[in-house]
Protein backbone atom coordinates (compact mmCIF):
# COMPACT_ATOMS: atom_id res chain seq x y z
CA MET A 1 40.21 13.35 -1.78
CA ARG A 2 41.56 12.90 -5.64
CA GLN A 3 39.43 14.74 -8.12
CA LYS A 4 37.46 12.16 -10.97
CA VAL A 5 37.28 12.62 -14.33
CA VAL A 6 35.42 10.36 -16.70
CA LEU A 7 36.29 9.86 -20.54
CA ALA A 8 34.92 8.05 -23.22
CA PHE A 9 36.77 5.02 -24.40
CA SER A 10 37.24 4.64 -27.87
CA GLY A 11 39.74 2.11 -27.63
CA GLY A 12 42.14 3.94 -29.79
CA LEU A 13 45.82 4.71 -28.93
CA ASP A 14 45.19 8.45 -27.67
CA THR A 15 42.57 6.78 -24.87
CA SER A 16 44.99 4.01 -23.89
CA PHE A 17 47.63 6.99 -23.80
CA CYS A 18 45.36 9.29 -21.92
CA VAL A 19 44.40 6.98 -19.14
CA PRO A 20 47.73 6.48 -17.66
CA TRP A 21 49.18 10.42 -18.34
CA LEU A 22 46.10 11.74 -16.33
CA ILE A 23 46.56 9.04 -13.23
CA ASN A 24 50.34 9.79 -13.57
CA GLU A 25 51.01 13.23 -14.20
CA LYS A 26 47.42 15.09 -12.97
CA GLY A 27 46.69 12.35 -10.04
CA LEU A 28 43.45 11.91 -10.79
CA GLU A 29 40.62 9.03 -10.57
CA VAL A 30 39.78 7.99 -13.87
C-alpha cells in the first residue's frame, strides 16, 4: 500500500512541480 500525502494547492509552479515529483520519485499517492 502506498503512503498518502496531502498538499495544499496554491496553483503556483512550485506545487505544480511537487505533485508529479512526489508521485514519480517517492511513489506517494497525492
